[in-house]
């Protein structure tokens, strides 16, 4: 079993880029229902190209191998 530490400071920086990308994509949009926001988020994630996820996964894996014992 592989257990992750409850908190890894370096992972937070990789989350920043994902959240920044979402914030930029949603700029100016107003959601009146939770479902509308969720649908827009699913649409955003589904329309990312493979490189978006591959580079993000690589960044996280690089951080984890440097951080974990």
Protein backbone atom coordinates (compact mmCIF):
# COMPACT_ATOMS: atom_id res chain seq x y z
CA UNK A 1 0.00 0.00 0.00
CA UNK A 2 1.28 3.45 -0.92
CA UNK A 3 0.41 6.15 1.58
CA UNK A 4 0.83 9.83 0.86
CA UNK A 5 1.72 12.23 3.64
CA UNK A 6 -1.26 14.30 4.71
CA UNK A 7 0.42 17.50 3.51
CA UNK A 8 3.16 18.11 0.97
CA UNK A 9 4.01 21.79 0.62
CA UNK A 10 5.39 21.40 -2.91
CA UNK A 11 2.12 19.98 -4.27
CA UNK A 12 0.34 23.20 -3.48
CA UNK A 13 2.34 25.07 -6.12
CA UNK A 14 1.20 22.64 -8.82
CA UNK A 15 -2.43 23.12 -7.74
CA UNK A 16 -1.95 26.85 -8.22
CA UNK A 17 -1.53 26.47 -11.98
CA UNK A 18 -4.65 24.31 -12.33
CA UNK A 19 -6.73 26.76 -10.29
CA UNK A 20 -5.29 29.73 -12.20
CA UNK A 21 -6.22 28.06 -15.48
CA UNK A 22 -9.78 27.50 -14.24
CA UNK A 23 -10.04 31.07 -12.93
CA UNK A 24 -8.89 32.48 -16.27
CA UNK A 25 -11.34 30.30 -18.20
CA UNK A 26 -14.25 31.28 -15.93
CA UNK A 27 -13.42 35.01 -15.78
CA UNK A 28 -16.57 37.08 -16.01
CA UNK A 29 -18.93 34.11 -15.80
CA UNK A 30 -21.67 34.11 -13.17
CA UNK A 31 -23.36 30.89 -12.08
CA UNK A 32 -26.80 30.98 -10.50
CA UNK A 33 -26.87 27.28 -9.62
CA UNK A 34 -24.32 24.79 -8.40
CA UNK A 35 -25.23 22.49 -11.30
CA UNK A 36 -24.40 25.22 -13.82
CA UNK A 37 -20.94 25.64 -12.29
CA UNK A 38 -20.36 21.88 -12.19
CA UNK A 39 -21.40 21.51 -15.83
CA UNK A 40 -19.05 24.32 -16.86
CA UNK A 41 -16.21 22.75 -14.86
CA UNK A 42 -16.77 19.34 -16.48
CA UNK A 43 -16.81 21.04 -19.89
CA UNK A 44 -13.57 22.87 -19.10
CA UNK A 45 -11.81 19.68 -17.98
CA UNK A 46 -13.10 17.63 -20.92
CA UNK A 47 -11.81 20.18 -23.43
CA UNK A 48 -8.20 20.23 -22.21
CA UNK A 49 -5.74 18.57 -24.56
CA UNK A 50 -3.66 15.57 -23.48
CA UNK A 51 -0.61 17.74 -22.90
CA UNK A 52 -2.44 19.69 -20.20
CA UNK A 53 -2.85 16.56 -18.07
CA UNK A 54 0.41 14.88 -19.05
CA UNK A 55 2.49 17.88 -18.03
CA UNK A 56 0.52 18.26 -14.79
CA UNK A 57 0.97 14.59 -13.90
CA UNK A 58 4.68 14.79 -14.69
CA UNK A 59 5.09 17.85 -12.46
CA UNK A 60 3.32 16.12 -9.55
CA UNK A 61 5.32 12.90 -10.00
CA UNK A 62 8.60 14.84 -10.11
CA UNK A 63 7.66 16.69 -6.92
CA UNK A 64 6.60 13.48 -5.18
CA UNK A 65 9.84 11.64 -6.05
CA UNK A 66 11.87 14.56 -4.71
CA UNK A 67 9.72 15.01 -1.58
CA UNK A 68 8.88 11.49 -0.43
CA UNK A 69 11.52 9.34 1.28
